[in-house]
Every structure is written in C-alpha cells, then in structure tokens.
Amino acid sequence: MAILLSVVQRVRNQARAVVCQANLKQWGTILGLYVEENQGCFPRPLDATFFLCASLFGADFGDERAPRLNGNDIKGILCCPTAVRPRDERQRPDDYRVYDYTFRAWERSYKGVSFRGSYGFNKWLLKAQFDESIPHPWEGIDVFSLRGRASIPTLLDSTEPDYYAFHHAKGPPRRVGIRSGWGPFCINRHNGHVNGLFLDWSVRKVGLKELWTLKWHREFDTAGPWTKAGGVQPEDWPLWMRNFKDY
C-alpha cells in the first residue's frame, strides 16, 4: 500500500506540473498578443498587482491605465495547481521570512479587489526602475528587438506576484521559505524545478540552480559565481539544494 500511494502521489504531481505548464503556455499566448498590439512593449510603469488586477476586471476596474489583455479570461490560469490555497498570514510565526510558502498562493488586494496567484513576473520587464545604482532594466523596450529571448524569463512559479533578480552574485536562500534574496523564485515546487515562461513564449522546466544562468536583465552575468562556469562548488549550495542538478 505504501508503494502504491507513493506511485499515485508521483503521478499526481506530474499531472499538476503538466497543468502548470499549460497555464504558462496560455499566458504566453495572451502576453504575446498584448506586446504585439503595443509595439513590443509591456505596460509601464506598472507592478504586477496592478497589471493582473486591471486585466482581471478590465473596464470595471475604473482606471484608464488598465491594460487590456485581448478580452482573455485569466482567472483560471493565475495559480499553479500545486499552489492554489492562500497562505494564512495570521498564523505565520514571528520570523515570517522563514515560513515555507512553496505550495501556497500569494494574495493581493488593489482598490478593494482581492485575488490570488502563484506565478511571478520578472519585474525587470514590467516596472520602471529609478535607482541608478541598479543595472538598466528592459522597461519600455521593444522586446522583439532583444536577442536570446529564449533565455529571458518572463513568468515563473513564485511566492510573490513579481520580483527583481538583482544580482548574479547574490546566493540562494539558506533555508527553504525565506522571502528575501532569490526566495520567491528559488522554491522546490516541482521536484527540484520551477516552471517558467520565456520571452520567446516557450515554456519549460527550470532547475533551481539554473536560475542563475538565465538572462534576467541586460547586465546579468549568466556565468556568475553561482554557476558551474563561474566556479561554484557543490558544498557552496545550502543543504536543501545540494542534490539538485548543477548548471
């Protein structure tokens, strides 16, 4: 019985991962149409909460900046099926940063409207950044002019609706569930992987250690110190990540 239950659970998780990728493929279609209709640009200067909320409720949202996602209903593709239930902030421990939200959905409210999801945007593509100490973002740039779009992450499994991958030298969270650093994207949601949508609108599994090899922004070093090319050693990774595939 124990063996049977293990097999059933594994098959169930595989099925959920397939549905997750199907959700992201639909996002690729929707976002692809959006940028084609807007001269290759994502909306700006918006954050994901506004973007998703305005997209969900359209004209009823009451804001002239509200993006129109071609009339597509995105309610059914906001969540990975492994992370549908919202996290209960009321029951979090005192040190909420180390509470494991891997299999929980984030929940947001904007202008009195609440909704939840479990994917997160690469924030460099969405929002204007005015801090000159941070590398130049891609905000406002025609995405079709960019090379290597298959390595530019757009939307991934995440514990937050959007996030900046600031620097290639910054390491992984030392413990599961930390909501800082790379925590929102570096989560073990699909057996050592997260699912991701890229700027060429392809969808695939992304190994957790592979996150440091993706082109998050123009100046991101994809051969930085947390990659095999950059000299990372197995013992450099936190214990919870050491058995995952190296990149």
Protein backbone atom coordinates (compact mmCIF):
# COMPACT_ATOMS: atom_id res chain seq x y z
CA MET A 1 0.00 0.00 0.00
CA ALA A 2 2.84 2.38 0.84
CA ILE A 3 4.44 1.74 -2.57
CA LEU A 4 1.11 2.27 -4.33
CA LEU A 5 0.48 5.54 -2.51
CA SER A 6 3.96 6.74 -3.44
CA VAL A 7 3.35 5.97 -7.12
CA VAL A 8 -0.06 7.66 -7.05
CA GLN A 9 1.43 10.77 -5.45
CA ARG A 10 4.22 10.91 -8.03
CA VAL A 11 1.76 10.61 -10.91
CA ARG A 12 -0.45 13.26 -9.35
CA ASN A 13 2.48 15.66 -9.02
CA GLN A 14 3.49 15.02 -12.64
CA ALA A 15 -0.06 15.77 -13.79
CA ARG A 16 -0.09 19.01 -11.82
CA ALA A 17 3.23 20.04 -13.36
CA VAL A 18 1.75 19.44 -16.83
CA VAL A 19 -1.26 21.64 -16.00
CA CYS A 20 1.10 24.29 -14.63
CA GLN A 21 2.99 24.36 -17.93
CA ALA A 22 -0.30 24.53 -19.84
CA ASN A 23 -1.25 27.60 -17.77
CA LEU A 24 2.04 29.27 -18.64
CA LYS A 25 1.56 28.47 -22.34
CA GLN A 26 -1.77 30.29 -22.20
CA TRP A 27 0.00 33.21 -20.55
CA GLY A 28 2.49 33.16 -23.40
CA THR A 29 -0.31 33.47 -25.95
CA ILE A 30 -2.00 36.28 -24.03
CA LEU A 31 1.15 38.29 -23.34
CA GLY A 32 2.43 37.71 -26.86
CA LEU A 33 -0.72 39.25 -28.30
CA TYR A 34 -0.50 42.11 -25.83
CA VAL A 35 3.06 43.15 -26.74
CA GLU A 36 2.31 42.80 -30.46
CA GLU A 37 -0.52 45.28 -30.05
CA ASN A 38 1.66 47.64 -28.01
CA GLN A 39 4.75 48.00 -30.21
CA GLY A 40 6.59 45.16 -28.49
CA CYS A 41 6.35 46.67 -25.01
CA PHE A 42 4.98 45.52 -21.71
CA PRO A 43 2.87 48.06 -19.80
CA ARG A 44 4.81 50.63 -17.83
CA PRO A 45 5.42 51.79 -15.19
CA LEU A 46 3.20 49.16 -13.55
CA ASP A 47 3.69 46.49 -10.96
CA ALA A 48 2.21 43.02 -11.31
CA THR A 49 -0.54 43.60 -8.75
CA PHE A 50 -1.98 46.48 -10.79
CA PHE A 51 -1.35 44.66 -14.08
CA LEU A 52 -3.16 41.50 -13.01
CA CYS A 53 -5.98 43.27 -11.21
CA ALA A 54 -6.66 45.59 -14.13
CA SER A 55 -6.50 42.67 -16.52
CA LEU A 56 -8.96 40.66 -14.46
CA PHE A 57 -11.57 43.38 -14.22
CA GLY A 58 -10.94 45.46 -17.35
CA ALA A 59 -13.20 48.46 -17.76
CA ASP A 60 -14.84 47.76 -14.41
CA PHE A 61 -11.51 48.47 -12.73
CA GLY A 62 -12.05 52.19 -13.23
CA ASP A 63 -8.53 53.18 -14.25
CA GLU A 64 -7.70 54.46 -17.72
CA ARG A 65 -4.20 52.89 -17.48
CA ALA A 66 -5.71 49.42 -17.13
CA PRO A 67 -4.10 47.08 -19.68
CA ARG A 68 -6.41 45.12 -21.91
CA LEU A 69 -5.35 41.52 -22.39
CA ASN A 70 -7.44 40.98 -25.52
CA GLY A 71 -10.55 40.04 -23.59
CA ASN A 72 -8.94 36.85 -22.29
CA ASP A 73 -10.15 35.40 -19.01
CA ILE A 74 -7.05 34.91 -16.86
CA LYS A 75 -8.80 33.84 -13.66
CA GLY A 76 -8.28 30.15 -14.38
CA ILE A 77 -4.54 30.43 -15.05
CA LEU A 78 -3.40 32.55 -12.12
CA CYS A 79 -2.39 29.56 -10.00
CA CYS A 80 -0.15 26.55 -10.39
CA PRO A 81 -2.31 23.56 -9.31
CA THR A 82 0.27 22.70 -6.65
CA ALA A 83 -0.18 26.12 -5.02
CA VAL A 84 -3.82 27.13 -5.02
CA ARG A 85 -4.55 27.58 -1.34
CA PRO A 86 -3.64 31.04 0.01
CA ARG A 87 -1.15 31.40 2.80
CA ASP A 88 -2.61 32.46 6.11
CA GLU A 89 -0.59 35.43 7.29
CA ARG A 90 -2.42 35.36 10.63
CA GLN A 91 -0.83 32.02 11.51
CA ARG A 92 2.70 32.86 10.43
CA PRO A 93 5.47 32.56 13.04
CA ASP A 94 7.20 35.62 14.42
CA ASP A 95 10.01 35.25 11.88
CA TYR A 96 7.72 35.19 8.84
CA ARG A 97 10.68 35.27 6.47
CA VAL A 98 11.38 31.58 7.08
CA TYR A 99 7.84 30.34 6.71
CA ASP A 100 7.67 27.93 3.78
CA TYR A 101 5.24 29.29 1.17
CA THR A 102 6.36 26.90 -1.60
CA PHE A 103 2.92 25.33 -2.00
CA ARG A 104 0.83 28.36 -1.13
CA ALA A 105 -0.59 31.10 -3.34
CA TRP A 106 0.14 34.77 -2.74
CA GLU A 107 -2.87 37.02 -2.24
CA ARG A 108 -3.15 40.71 -3.08
CA SER A 109 -5.72 43.48 -2.91
CA TYR A 110 -5.92 46.63 -5.04
CA LYS A 111 -8.66 49.24 -4.81
CA GLY A 112 -10.72 46.86 -2.72
CA VAL A 113 -10.38 43.94 -5.14
CA SER A 114 -8.67 40.78 -3.88
CA PHE A 115 -7.24 37.94 -5.92
CA ARG A 116 -4.55 35.28 -5.62
CA GLY A 117 -1.97 33.60 -7.80
CA SER A 118 1.18 31.51 -7.62
CA TYR A 119 3.22 32.81 -10.57
CA GLY A 120 5.51 35.81 -10.56
CA PHE A 121 6.72 38.18 -13.29
CA ASN A 122 10.35 39.02 -13.94
CA LYS A 123 9.91 42.56 -12.68
CA TRP A 124 12.62 43.96 -14.95
CA LEU A 125 10.15 43.55 -17.80
CA LEU A 126 7.23 45.18 -16.03
CA LYS A 127 8.14 48.14 -13.92
CA ALA A 128 10.24 51.28 -14.30
CA GLN A 129 13.29 51.37 -12.06
CA PHE A 130 14.60 54.77 -11.00
CA ASP A 131 17.55 53.67 -8.85
CA GLU A 132 20.63 54.39 -10.97
CA SER A 133 22.74 52.04 -8.84
CA ILE A 134 20.81 49.09 -10.29
CA PRO A 135 21.60 47.83 -13.83
CA HIS A 136 19.40 49.22 -16.59
CA PRO A 137 16.05 47.42 -16.86
CA TRP A 138 14.26 46.48 -20.04
CA GLU A 139 11.25 48.61 -19.18
CA GLY A 140 9.83 50.33 -22.24
CA ILE A 141 12.00 48.45 -24.76
CA ASP A 142 10.65 46.62 -27.81
CA VAL A 143 11.06 43.02 -26.65
CA PHE A 144 11.19 41.77 -30.23
CA SER A 145 14.47 43.62 -30.70
CA LEU A 146 16.16 41.63 -27.93
CA ARG A 147 18.43 38.72 -28.73
CA GLY A 148 18.37 35.45 -26.80
CA ARG A 149 14.73 35.78 -25.81
CA ALA A 150 14.60 32.04 -25.07
CA SER A 151 16.82 32.70 -22.04
CA ILE A 152 14.94 35.76 -20.75
CA PRO A 153 12.45 34.67 -18.05
CA THR A 154 9.06 36.33 -18.11
CA LEU A 155 6.74 34.49 -15.72
CA LEU A 156 7.65 31.67 -13.32
CA ASP A 157 6.40 29.71 -10.34
CA SER A 158 6.76 32.17 -7.48
CA THR A 159 5.66 33.06 -3.97
CA GLU A 160 5.28 36.72 -4.99
CA PRO A 161 3.45 38.34 -7.96
CA ASP A 162 6.69 39.94 -9.22
CA TYR A 163 10.31 40.14 -8.21
CA TYR A 164 13.66 41.63 -9.23
CA ALA A 165 16.57 39.20 -9.64
CA PHE A 166 19.00 41.91 -8.61
CA HIS A 167 22.47 40.49 -8.93
CA HIS A 168 24.19 37.40 -10.27
CA ALA A 169 26.49 37.21 -7.21
CA LYS A 170 23.68 37.01 -4.68
CA GLY A 171 23.27 33.43 -3.50
CA PRO A 172 20.25 31.21 -2.87
CA PRO A 173 18.16 31.29 0.30
CA ARG A 174 19.97 29.34 3.01
CA ARG A 175 16.73 27.85 4.25
CA VAL A 176 13.51 26.91 2.50
CA GLY A 177 10.89 29.63 2.52
CA ILE A 178 12.98 32.74 3.11
CA ARG A 179 11.19 35.61 1.38
CA SER A 180 14.28 37.60 0.52
CA GLY A 181 17.12 37.28 -1.95
CA TRP A 182 16.13 34.74 -4.57
CA GLY A 183 13.47 33.25 -2.31
CA PRO A 184 10.33 33.99 -4.39
CA PHE A 185 11.61 32.05 -7.44
CA CYS A 186 14.00 29.59 -5.79
CA ILE A 187 11.33 27.19 -4.48
CA ASN A 188 11.15 23.42 -4.76
CA ARG A 189 7.68 23.30 -6.28
CA HIS A 190 8.29 20.67 -8.97
CA ASN A 191 10.91 18.21 -7.76
CA GLY A 192 13.95 20.46 -7.94
CA HIS A 193 12.43 22.69 -10.63
CA VAL A 194 10.03 25.53 -11.25
CA ASN A 195 8.12 26.02 -14.49
CA GLY A 196 8.85 29.13 -16.50
CA LEU A 197 7.61 31.14 -19.47
CA PHE A 198 10.32 32.85 -21.53
CA LEU A 199 10.27 35.89 -23.75
CA ASP A 200 10.09 33.79 -26.93
CA TRP A 201 6.85 32.45 -25.36
CA SER A 202 8.32 28.97 -24.83
CA VAL A 203 7.60 27.11 -21.61
CA ARG A 204 9.86 24.63 -19.87
CA LYS A 205 11.09 23.32 -16.55
CA VAL A 206 13.87 25.36 -14.94
CA GLY A 207 16.23 23.72 -12.47
CA LEU A 208 16.60 25.73 -9.28
CA LYS A 209 20.34 26.09 -9.77
CA GLU A 210 19.67 27.04 -13.39
CA LEU A 211 18.03 30.29 -12.26
CA TRP A 212 21.49 31.89 -12.06
CA THR A 213 22.16 31.12 -15.74
CA LEU A 214 19.11 32.98 -17.08
CA LYS A 215 19.26 36.49 -18.56
CA TRP A 216 17.16 38.39 -16.02
CA HIS A 217 18.31 41.82 -17.19
CA ARG A 218 20.81 43.33 -19.63
CA GLU A 219 23.78 43.23 -17.31
CA PHE A 220 23.06 39.97 -15.55
CA ASP A 221 26.13 37.69 -15.69
CA THR A 222 24.88 34.25 -16.75
CA ALA A 223 28.28 32.75 -15.91
CA GLY A 224 28.48 34.28 -12.46
CA PRO A 225 29.79 32.76 -9.25
CA TRP A 226 26.70 30.61 -8.71
CA THR A 227 27.15 28.68 -11.97
CA LYS A 228 29.48 25.83 -12.95
CA ALA A 229 31.18 28.22 -15.39
CA GLY A 230 31.74 30.64 -12.52
CA GLY A 231 33.32 28.00 -10.28
CA VAL A 232 30.54 27.20 -7.81
CA GLN A 233 31.26 24.06 -5.77
CA PRO A 234 28.67 21.53 -4.51
CA GLU A 235 29.36 22.47 -0.90
CA ASP A 236 28.60 26.13 -1.67
CA TRP A 237 24.91 25.40 -2.03
CA PRO A 238 22.64 25.23 1.03
CA LEU A 239 21.87 21.69 2.19
CA TRP A 240 18.33 21.69 0.82
CA MET A 241 19.64 22.33 -2.72
CA ARG A 242 22.79 20.22 -2.92
CA ASN A 243 21.17 17.19 -4.56
CA PHE A 244 19.63 19.23 -7.37
CA LYS A 245 21.15 19.27 -10.85
CA ASP A 246 24.07 21.62 -11.43
CA TYR A 247 24.25 24.15 -14.28
